[in-house]
Amino acid sequence: MKPYLRRSIFTKASALGFIVMILLGNAWLVVFLTGQSGAAWLSYSLTACMIWTILAGCGMGFKMIQHQIQKEPDDDAAV
């Protein structure tokens, strides 16, 4: 991963979104396998988490575009 992305708040937000989405997916699987009726809070939470992750991913993309426009020296170029 590029150093300018590693320090980015968008990268951390995206990682957090994926972690929470995995946990909510596991909760949904437990609810589904136990035969309980679907919990509305679980659906809303998964939707909100997907939106959070998509927005964080877009922020990472904008950060990459900004980096390309500014033409900052790339730390990986020396390797």
PDB file of N, CA and C in Angstrom:
ATOM      1  N   MET A   1       0.846  -1.171   0.000  1.00  0.00           N
ATOM      2  CA  MET A   1       0.000   0.000   0.000  1.00  0.00           C
ATOM      3  C   MET A   1       0.889   1.230   0.000  1.00  0.00           C
ATOM      4  N   LYS A   2       0.459   2.215  -0.721  1.00  0.00           N
ATOM      5  CA  LYS A   2       1.210   3.464  -0.809  1.00  0.00           C
ATOM      6  C   LYS A   2       1.196   4.181   0.541  1.00  0.00           C
ATOM      7  N   PRO A   3       2.307   4.830   0.911  1.00  0.00           N
ATOM      8  CA  PRO A   3       2.380   5.497   2.218  1.00  0.00           C
ATOM      9  C   PRO A   3       1.331   6.590   2.403  1.00  0.00           C
ATOM     10  N   TYR A   4       1.005   7.311   1.334  1.00  0.00           N
ATOM     11  CA  TYR A   4       0.014   8.380   1.496  1.00  0.00           C
ATOM     12  C   TYR A   4      -1.374   7.819   1.747  1.00  0.00           C
ATOM     13  N   LEU A   5      -1.634   6.577   1.356  1.00  0.00           N
ATOM     14  CA  LEU A   5      -2.913   5.948   1.678  1.00  0.00           C
ATOM     15  C   LEU A   5      -2.900   5.313   3.060  1.00  0.00           C
ATOM     16  N   ARG A   6      -1.750   4.855   3.492  1.00  0.00           N
ATOM     17  CA  ARG A   6      -1.658   4.198   4.791  1.00  0.00           C
ATOM     18  C   ARG A   6      -1.998   5.172   5.913  1.00  0.00           C
ATOM     19  N   ARG A   7      -1.649   6.433   5.744  1.00  0.00           N
ATOM     20  CA  ARG A   7      -1.913   7.447   6.774  1.00  0.00           C
ATOM     21  C   ARG A   7      -3.304   8.051   6.654  1.00  0.00           C
ATOM     22  N   SER A   8      -4.028   7.740   5.614  1.00  0.00           N
ATOM     23  CA  SER A   8      -5.289   8.399   5.310  1.00  0.00           C
ATOM     24  C   SER A   8      -6.414   7.953   6.251  1.00  0.00           C
ATOM     25  N   ILE A   9      -7.244   8.899   6.631  1.00  0.00           N
ATOM     26  CA  ILE A   9      -8.417   8.607   7.449  1.00  0.00           C
ATOM     27  C   ILE A   9      -9.423   7.771   6.650  1.00  0.00           C
ATOM     28  N   PHE A  10      -9.416   7.933   5.320  1.00  0.00           N
ATOM     29  CA  PHE A  10     -10.339   7.170   4.482  1.00  0.00           C
ATOM     30  C   PHE A  10      -9.988   5.682   4.499  1.00  0.00           C
ATOM     31  N   THR A  11      -8.709   5.360   4.543  1.00  0.00           N
ATOM     32  CA  THR A  11      -8.282   3.968   4.603  1.00  0.00           C
ATOM     33  C   THR A  11      -8.728   3.326   5.908  1.00  0.00           C
ATOM     34  N   LYS A  12      -8.567   4.062   6.995  1.00  0.00           N
ATOM     35  CA  LYS A  12      -8.980   3.544   8.296  1.00  0.00           C
ATOM     36  C   LYS A  12     -10.494   3.386   8.370  1.00  0.00           C
ATOM     37  N   ALA A  13     -11.231   4.330   7.793  1.00  0.00           N
ATOM     38  CA  ALA A  13     -12.690   4.247   7.788  1.00  0.00           C
ATOM     39  C   ALA A  13     -13.170   3.074   6.939  1.00  0.00           C
ATOM     40  N   SER A  14     -12.519   2.846   5.816  1.00  0.00           N
ATOM     41  CA  SER A  14     -12.884   1.719   4.958  1.00  0.00           C
ATOM     42  C   SER A  14     -12.611   0.391   5.658  1.00  0.00           C
ATOM     43  N   ALA A  15     -11.471   0.271   6.315  1.00  0.00           N
ATOM     44  CA  ALA A  15     -11.146  -0.955   7.041  1.00  0.00           C
ATOM     45  C   ALA A  15     -12.148  -1.204   8.163  1.00  0.00           C
ATOM     46  N   LEU A  16     -12.510  -0.150   8.878  1.00  0.00           N
ATOM     47  CA  LEU A  16     -13.500  -0.275   9.945  1.00  0.00           C
ATOM     48  C   LEU A  16     -14.843  -0.718   9.376  1.00  0.00           C
ATOM     49  N   GLY A  17     -15.217  -0.157   8.229  1.00  0.00           N
ATOM     50  CA  GLY A  17     -16.483  -0.538   7.591  1.00  0.00           C
ATOM     51  C   GLY A  17     -16.507  -2.004   7.213  1.00  0.00           C
ATOM     52  N   PHE A  18     -15.396  -2.504   6.667  1.00  0.00           N
ATOM     53  CA  PHE A  18     -15.334  -3.923   6.301  1.00  0.00           C
ATOM     54  C   PHE A  18     -15.415  -4.818   7.534  1.00  0.00           C
ATOM     55  N   ILE A  19     -14.748  -4.435   8.611  1.00  0.00           N
ATOM     56  CA  ILE A  19     -14.778  -5.236   9.842  1.00  0.00           C
ATOM     57  C   ILE A  19     -16.192  -5.308  10.393  1.00  0.00           C
ATOM     58  N   VAL A  20     -16.859  -4.166  10.469  1.00  0.00           N
ATOM     59  CA  VAL A  20     -18.222  -4.138  11.003  1.00  0.00           C
ATOM     60  C   VAL A  20     -19.173  -4.904  10.079  1.00  0.00           C
ATOM     61  N   MET A  21     -18.963  -4.799   8.758  1.00  0.00           N
ATOM     62  CA  MET A  21     -19.809  -5.522   7.821  1.00  0.00           C
ATOM     63  C   MET A  21     -19.665  -7.037   8.000  1.00  0.00           C
ATOM     64  N   ILE A  22     -18.460  -7.515   8.246  1.00  0.00           N
ATOM     65  CA  ILE A  22     -18.244  -8.944   8.488  1.00  0.00           C
ATOM     66  C   ILE A  22     -18.952  -9.382   9.763  1.00  0.00           C
ATOM     67  N   LEU A  23     -18.841  -8.577  10.817  1.00  0.00           N
ATOM     68  CA  LEU A  23     -19.511  -8.916  12.073  1.00  0.00           C
ATOM     69  C   LEU A  23     -21.032  -8.923  11.915  1.00  0.00           C
ATOM     70  N   LEU A  24     -21.563  -7.933  11.200  1.00  0.00           N
ATOM     71  CA  LEU A  24     -23.010  -7.898  10.979  1.00  0.00           C
ATOM     72  C   LEU A  24     -23.461  -9.050  10.082  1.00  0.00           C
ATOM     73  N   GLY A  25     -22.640  -9.426   9.124  1.00  0.00           N
ATOM     74  CA  GLY A  25     -22.965 -10.571   8.277  1.00  0.00           C
ATOM     75  C   GLY A  25     -23.023 -11.860   9.077  1.00  0.00           C
ATOM     76  N   ASN A  26     -22.108 -12.000  10.027  1.00  0.00           N
ATOM     77  CA  ASN A  26     -22.150 -13.171  10.902  1.00  0.00           C
ATOM     78  C   ASN A  26     -23.398 -13.169  11.775  1.00  0.00           C
ATOM     79  N   ALA A  27     -23.786 -12.004  12.265  1.00  0.00           N
ATOM     80  CA  ALA A  27     -25.012 -11.901  13.059  1.00  0.00           C
ATOM     81  C   ALA A  27     -26.231 -12.258  12.210  1.00  0.00           C
ATOM     82  N   TRP A  28     -26.246 -11.794  10.964  1.00  0.00           N
ATOM     83  CA  TRP A  28     -27.355 -12.122  10.064  1.00  0.00           C
ATOM     84  C   TRP A  28     -27.413 -13.626   9.821  1.00  0.00           C
ATOM     85  N   LEU A  29     -26.262 -14.273   9.660  1.00  0.00           N
ATOM     86  CA  LEU A  29     -26.221 -15.710   9.434  1.00  0.00           C
ATOM     87  C   LEU A  29     -26.772 -16.471  10.638  1.00  0.00           C
ATOM     88  N   VAL A  30     -26.431 -16.036  11.832  1.00  0.00           N
ATOM     89  CA  VAL A  30     -26.947 -16.680  13.043  1.00  0.00           C
ATOM     90  C   VAL A  30     -28.457 -16.530  13.114  1.00  0.00           C
ATOM     91  N   VAL A  31     -28.963 -15.336  12.829  1.00  0.00           N
ATOM     92  CA  VAL A  31     -30.412 -15.109  12.851  1.00  0.00           C
ATOM     93  C   VAL A  31     -31.092 -15.981  11.801  1.00  0.00           C
ATOM     94  N   PHE A  32     -30.501 -16.085  10.623  1.00  0.00           N
ATOM     95  CA  PHE A  32     -31.074 -16.883   9.543  1.00  0.00           C
ATOM     96  C   PHE A  32     -31.079 -18.374   9.889  1.00  0.00           C
ATOM     97  N   LEU A  33     -29.970 -18.884  10.435  1.00  0.00           N
ATOM     98  CA  LEU A  33     -29.868 -20.299  10.741  1.00  0.00           C
ATOM     99  C   LEU A  33     -30.739 -20.724  11.919  1.00  0.00           C
ATOM    100  N   THR A  34     -31.008 -19.818  12.836  1.00  0.00           N
ATOM    101  CA  THR A  34     -31.864 -20.151  13.977  1.00  0.00           C
ATOM    102  C   THR A  34     -33.340 -20.044  13.630  1.00  0.00           C
ATOM    103  N   GLY A  35     -33.649 -19.538  12.450  1.00  0.00           N
ATOM    104  CA  GLY A  35     -35.045 -19.487  12.013  1.00  0.00           C
ATOM    105  C   GLY A  35     -35.841 -18.340  12.599  1.00  0.00           C
ATOM    106  N   GLN A  36     -35.173 -17.383  13.202  1.00  0.00           N
ATOM    107  CA  GLN A  36     -35.880 -16.225  13.758  1.00  0.00           C
ATOM    108  C   GLN A  36     -36.278 -15.293  12.626  1.00  0.00           C
ATOM    109  N   SER A  37     -37.258 -14.463  12.912  1.00  0.00           N
ATOM    110  CA  SER A  37     -37.643 -13.487  11.902  1.00  0.00           C
ATOM    111  C   SER A  37     -36.537 -12.439  11.769  1.00  0.00           C
ATOM    112  N   GLY A  38     -36.388 -11.905  10.555  1.00  0.00           N
ATOM    113  CA  GLY A  38     -35.314 -10.945  10.295  1.00  0.00           C
ATOM    114  C   GLY A  38     -35.452  -9.693  11.145  1.00  0.00           C
ATOM    115  N   ALA A  39     -34.364  -9.309  11.734  1.00  0.00           N
ATOM    116  CA  ALA A  39     -34.359  -8.114  12.567  1.00  0.00           C
ATOM    117  C   ALA A  39     -34.161  -6.886  11.681  1.00  0.00           C
ATOM    118  N   ALA A  40     -35.033  -5.903  11.863  1.00  0.00           N
ATOM    119  CA  ALA A  40     -34.952  -4.689  11.048  1.00  0.00           C
ATOM    120  C   ALA A  40     -33.663  -3.923  11.332  1.00  0.00           C
ATOM    121  N   TRP A  41     -33.231  -3.912  12.576  1.00  0.00           N
ATOM    122  CA  TRP A  41     -32.009  -3.178  12.916  1.00  0.00           C
ATOM    123  C   TRP A  41     -30.799  -3.746  12.191  1.00  0.00           C
ATOM    124  N   LEU A  42     -30.824  -5.065  11.942  1.00  0.00           N
ATOM    125  CA  LEU A  42     -29.706  -5.702  11.257  1.00  0.00           C
ATOM    126  C   LEU A  42     -29.638  -5.276   9.797  1.00  0.00           C
ATOM    127  N   SER A  43     -30.810  -5.187   9.160  1.00  0.00           N
ATOM    128  CA  SER A  43     -30.850  -4.741   7.762  1.00  0.00           C
ATOM    129  C   SER A  43     -30.401  -3.288   7.640  1.00  0.00           C
ATOM    130  N   TYR A  44     -30.896  -2.446   8.538  1.00  0.00           N
ATOM    131  CA  TYR A  44     -30.514  -1.035   8.494  1.00  0.00           C
ATOM    132  C   TYR A  44     -29.025  -0.854   8.797  1.00  0.00           C
ATOM    133  N   SER A  45     -28.507  -1.641   9.722  1.00  0.00           N
ATOM    134  CA  SER A  45     -27.091  -1.541  10.067  1.00  0.00           C
ATOM    135  C   SER A  45     -26.207  -1.978   8.903  1.00  0.00           C
ATOM    136  N   LEU A  46     -26.582  -3.072   8.229  1.00  0.00           N
ATOM    137  CA  LEU A  46     -25.815  -3.522   7.073  1.00  0.00           C
ATOM    138  C   LEU A  46     -25.842  -2.483   5.958  1.00  0.00           C
ATOM    139  N   THR A  47     -27.001  -1.884   5.730  1.00  0.00           N
ATOM    140  CA  THR A  47     -27.115  -0.853   4.694  1.00  0.00           C
ATOM    141  C   THR A  47     -26.252   0.360   5.032  1.00  0.00           C
ATOM    142  N   ALA A  48     -26.320   0.806   6.273  1.00  0.00           N
ATOM    143  CA  ALA A  48     -25.515   1.960   6.693  1.00  0.00           C
ATOM    144  C   ALA A  48     -24.024   1.646   6.596  1.00  0.00           C
ATOM    145  N   CYS A  49     -23.647   0.428   6.944  1.00  0.00           N
ATOM    146  CA  CYS A  49     -22.243   0.040   6.886  1.00  0.00           C
ATOM    147  C   CYS A  49     -21.755  -0.025   5.443  1.00  0.00           C
ATOM    148  N   MET A  50     -22.601  -0.513   4.533  1.00  0.00           N
ATOM    149  CA  MET A  50     -22.219  -0.544   3.115  1.00  0.00           C
ATOM    150  C   MET A  50     -22.026   0.866   2.578  1.00  0.00           C
ATOM    151  N   ILE A  51     -22.921   1.774   2.937  1.00  0.00           N
ATOM    152  CA  ILE A  51     -22.800   3.165   2.489  1.00  0.00           C
ATOM    153  C   ILE A  51     -21.528   3.788   3.056  1.00  0.00           C
ATOM    154  N   TRP A  52     -21.250   3.547   4.339  1.00  0.00           N
ATOM    155  CA  TRP A  52     -20.037   4.049   4.990  1.00  0.00           C
ATOM    156  C   TRP A  52     -18.792   3.574   4.247  1.00  0.00           C
ATOM    157  N   THR A  53     -18.744   2.274   3.924  1.00  0.00           N
ATOM    158  CA  THR A  53     -17.581   1.691   3.266  1.00  0.00           C
ATOM    159  C   THR A  53     -17.418   2.223   1.846  1.00  0.00           C
ATOM    160  N   ILE A  54     -18.520   2.377   1.131  1.00  0.00           N
ATOM    161  CA  ILE A  54     -18.465   2.920  -0.231  1.00  0.00           C
ATOM    162  C   ILE A  54     -17.963   4.360  -0.217  1.00  0.00           C
ATOM    163  N   LEU A  55     -18.456   5.168   0.701  1.00  0.00           N
ATOM    164  CA  LEU A  55     -18.005   6.561   0.792  1.00  0.00           C
ATOM    165  C   LEU A  55     -16.525   6.642   1.171  1.00  0.00           C
ATOM    166  N   ALA A  56     -16.090   5.775   2.073  1.00  0.00           N
ATOM    167  CA  ALA A  56     -14.668   5.759   2.448  1.00  0.00           C
ATOM    168  C   ALA A  56     -13.808   5.324   1.264  1.00  0.00           C
ATOM    169  N   GLY A  57     -14.295   4.369   0.486  1.00  0.00           N
ATOM    170  CA  GLY A  57     -13.573   3.947  -0.711  1.00  0.00           C
ATOM    171  C   GLY A  57     -13.483   5.058  -1.734  1.00  0.00           C
ATOM    172  N   CYS A  58     -14.561   5.820  -1.893  1.00  0.00           N
ATOM    173  CA  CYS A  58     -14.519   6.976  -2.801  1.00  0.00           C
ATOM    174  C   CYS A  58     -13.525   8.015  -2.306  1.00  0.00           C
ATOM    175  N   GLY A  59     -13.468   8.209  -0.994  1.00  0.00           N
ATOM    176  CA  GLY A  59     -12.475   9.123  -0.426  1.00  0.00           C
ATOM    177  C   GLY A  59     -11.064   8.669  -0.700  1.00  0.00           C
ATOM    178  N   MET A  60     -10.831   7.348  -0.638  1.00  0.00           N
ATOM    179  CA  MET A  60      -9.505   6.825  -0.976  1.00  0.00           C
ATOM    180  C   MET A  60      -9.179   7.082  -2.446  1.00  0.00           C
ATOM    181  N   GLY A  61     -10.173   6.925  -3.301  1.00  0.00           N
ATOM    182  CA  GLY A  61      -9.967   7.198  -4.725  1.00  0.00           C
ATOM    183  C   GLY A  61      -9.638   8.657  -4.977  1.00  0.00           C
ATOM    184  N   PHE A  62     -10.357   9.548  -4.313  1.00  0.00           N
ATOM    185  CA  PHE A  62     -10.075  10.978  -4.462  1.00  0.00           C
ATOM    186  C   PHE A  62      -8.682  11.321  -3.939  1.00  0.00           C
ATOM    187  N   LYS A  63      -8.275  10.646  -2.856  1.00  0.00           N
ATOM    188  CA  LYS A  63      -6.944  10.874  -2.310  1.00  0.00           C
ATOM    189  C   LYS A  63      -5.872  10.432  -3.318  1.00  0.00           C
ATOM    190  N   MET A  64      -6.113   9.317  -4.018  1.00  0.00           N
ATOM    191  CA  MET A  64      -5.162   8.855  -5.034  1.00  0.00           C
ATOM    192  C   MET A  64      -5.101   9.828  -6.208  1.00  0.00           C
ATOM    193  N   ILE A  65      -6.262  10.332  -6.622  1.00  0.00           N
ATOM    194  CA  ILE A  65      -6.294  11.307  -7.720  1.00  0.00           C
ATOM    195  C   ILE A  65      -5.568  12.577  -7.307  1.00  0.00           C
ATOM    196  N   GLN A  66      -5.803  13.025  -6.076  1.00  0.00           N
ATOM    197  CA  GLN A  66      -5.135  14.222  -5.577  1.00  0.00           C
ATOM    198  C   GLN A  66      -3.624  14.012  -5.560  1.00  0.00           C
ATOM    199  N   HIS A  67      -3.192  12.840  -5.176  1.00  0.00           N
ATOM    200  CA  HIS A  67      -1.761  12.534  -5.144  1.00  0.00           C
ATOM    201  C   HIS A  67      -1.175  12.580  -6.560  1.00  0.00           C
ATOM    202  N   GLN A  68      -1.896  12.060  -7.534  1.00  0.00           N
ATOM    203  CA  GLN A  68      -1.411  12.073  -8.912  1.00  0.00           C
ATOM    204  C   GLN A  68      -1.343  13.491  -9.464  1.00  0.00           C
ATOM    205  N   ILE A  69      -2.303  14.335  -9.093  1.00  0.00           N
ATOM    206  CA  ILE A  69      -2.317  15.719  -9.579  1.00  0.00           C
ATOM    207  C   ILE A  69      -1.159  16.511  -8.977  1.00  0.00           C
ATOM    208  N   GLN A  70      -0.891  16.297  -7.689  1.00  0.00           N
ATOM    209  CA  GLN A  70       0.168  17.052  -7.019  1.00  0.00           C
ATOM    210  C   GLN A  70       1.560  16.562  -7.393  1.00  0.00           C
ATOM    211  N   LYS A  71       1.658  15.384  -7.960  1.00  0.00           N
ATOM    212  CA  LYS A  71       2.942  14.816  -8.383  1.00  0.00           C
ATOM    213  C   LYS A  71       3.954  14.780  -7.237  1.00  0.00           C
ATOM    214  N   GLU A  72       3.488  14.291  -6.078  1.00  0.00           N
ATOM    215  CA  GLU A  72       4.404  14.139  -4.962  1.00  0.00           C
ATOM    216  C   GLU A  72       5.386  13.021  -5.279  1.00  0.00           C
ATOM    217  N   PRO A  73       6.619  13.112  -4.785  1.00  0.00           N
ATOM    218  CA  PRO A  73       7.567  12.009  -5.020  1.00  0.00           C
ATOM    219  C   PRO A  73       7.059  10.740  -4.334  1.00  0.00           C
ATOM    220  N   ASP A  74       7.090   9.660  -5.049  1.00  0.00           N
ATOM    221  CA  ASP A  74       6.587   8.384  -4.543  1.00  0.00           C
ATOM    222  C   ASP A  74       7.709   7.658  -3.811  1.00  0.00           C
ATOM    223  N   ASP A  75       7.447   7.225  -2.577  1.00  0.00           N
ATOM    224  CA  ASP A  75       8.461   6.544  -1.782  1.00  0.00           C
ATOM    225  C   ASP A  75       8.799   5.169  -2.354  1.00  0.00           C
ATOM    226  N   ASP A  76       7.885   4.554  -3.092  1.00  0.00           N
ATOM    227  CA  ASP A  76       8.125   3.245  -3.676  1.00  0.00           C
ATOM    228  C   ASP A  76       8.955   3.302  -4.960  1.00  0.00           C
ATOM    229  N   ALA A  77       9.194   4.482  -5.487  1.00  0.00           N
ATOM    230  CA  ALA A  77       9.923   4.619  -6.745  1.00  0.00           C
ATOM    231  C   ALA A  77      11.390   4.212  -6.581  1.00  0.00           C
ATOM    232  N   ALA A  78      11.945   4.361  -5.396  1.00  0.00           N
ATOM    233  CA  ALA A  78      13.350   4.048  -5.171  1.00  0.00           C
ATOM    234  C   ALA A  78      13.596   2.548  -5.058  1.00  0.00           C
ATOM    235  N   VAL A  79      12.534   1.798  -4.828  1.00  0.00           N
ATOM    236  CA  VAL A  79      12.682   0.344  -4.625  1.00  0.00           C
ATOM    237  C   VAL A  79      12.876  -0.367  -5.933  1.00  0.00           C
TER     238      VAL A  79
END
